[in-house]
Amino acid sequence: MKKDIHPEYYQAKVTCVCGETFVTGSTKKEIRVEICSKCHPLFTGKQRIVDSGGQVEKFQQRFAKTQKKKKA
């Protein structure tokens, strides 16, 4: 077998935008995530809209336009 073909493996610190941090194994030393098990709706039981690019606002604007056309 070839030697030194595998990447370096680290104890990576994972940081969520909610402030939660935990350690896991990875080829990177630090990992940043937008959502974790402490803030994900599946695990918390609370509904939260996760919008990373303004897609919800765009949809709501288009939906409002269609509602106005239906009323007219």
Protein backbone atom coordinates (compact mmCIF):
# COMPACT_ATOMS: atom_id res chain seq x y z
CA MET A 1 0.00 0.00 0.00
CA LYS A 2 1.09 3.57 -0.64
CA LYS A 3 2.22 5.61 2.33
CA ASP A 4 1.03 9.13 3.18
CA ILE A 5 -1.95 9.17 0.80
CA HIS A 6 -4.58 9.89 3.43
CA PRO A 7 -5.33 13.46 4.54
CA GLU A 8 -4.52 14.60 8.06
CA TYR A 9 -7.35 13.83 10.50
CA TYR A 10 -8.14 16.37 13.25
CA GLN A 11 -10.43 16.80 16.24
CA ALA A 12 -12.57 19.46 14.59
CA LYS A 13 -14.48 22.12 16.50
CA VAL A 14 -17.95 22.59 14.96
CA THR A 15 -19.57 25.98 15.59
CA CYS A 16 -23.21 26.76 14.81
CA VAL A 17 -24.64 30.25 14.28
CA CYS A 18 -26.85 29.67 17.35
CA GLY A 19 -23.69 29.52 19.48
CA GLU A 20 -23.57 25.75 20.06
CA THR A 21 -20.15 24.11 19.72
CA PHE A 22 -19.07 20.48 19.75
CA VAL A 23 -16.08 18.40 18.70
CA THR A 24 -16.00 15.75 15.98
CA GLY A 25 -13.42 14.19 13.67
CA SER A 26 -12.69 15.76 10.29
CA THR A 27 -9.97 16.67 7.83
CA LYS A 28 -10.58 20.33 8.74
CA LYS A 29 -9.71 21.91 12.09
CA GLU A 30 -12.79 24.16 12.26
CA ILE A 31 -16.27 23.76 10.76
CA ARG A 32 -19.00 26.42 10.78
CA VAL A 33 -22.62 25.40 10.23
CA GLU A 34 -25.88 27.33 9.89
CA ILE A 35 -28.02 24.82 11.76
CA CYS A 36 -27.35 22.07 14.30
CA SER A 37 -29.34 19.65 16.46
CA LYS A 38 -29.80 22.34 19.15
CA CYS A 39 -31.61 24.72 16.79
CA HIS A 40 -33.03 22.44 14.04
CA PRO A 41 -36.87 22.33 14.09
CA LEU A 42 -36.90 18.52 13.89
CA PHE A 43 -35.05 18.24 17.19
CA THR A 44 -36.47 21.29 19.00
CA GLY A 45 -40.14 20.89 18.03
CA LYS A 46 -40.31 24.59 17.14
CA GLN A 47 -40.87 25.82 13.62
CA ARG A 48 -38.32 28.31 12.34
CA ILE A 49 -37.80 29.61 8.84
CA VAL A 50 -34.21 29.17 7.75
CA ASP A 51 -33.53 31.57 4.90
CA SER A 52 -29.99 31.81 3.65
CA GLY A 53 -30.57 33.80 0.47
CA GLY A 54 -33.79 35.80 0.76
CA GLN A 55 -35.80 33.10 -0.96
CA VAL A 56 -38.69 33.35 1.52
CA GLU A 57 -39.12 37.08 0.91
CA LYS A 58 -39.00 36.58 -2.86
CA PHE A 59 -41.70 33.92 -2.64
CA GLN A 60 -43.90 36.04 -0.39
CA GLN A 61 -43.66 38.98 -2.80
CA ARG A 62 -44.62 36.80 -5.78
CA PHE A 63 -47.46 35.23 -3.81
CA ALA A 64 -48.78 38.66 -2.80
CA LYS A 65 -48.83 39.72 -6.46
CA THR A 66 -50.92 36.68 -7.42
CA GLN A 67 -53.36 37.38 -4.59
CA LYS A 68 -53.81 40.97 -5.80
CA LYS A 69 -54.53 39.75 -9.34
CA LYS A 70 -57.16 37.30 -8.07
CA LYS A 71 -58.98 40.08 -6.17
CA ALA A 72 -59.03 42.38 -9.21
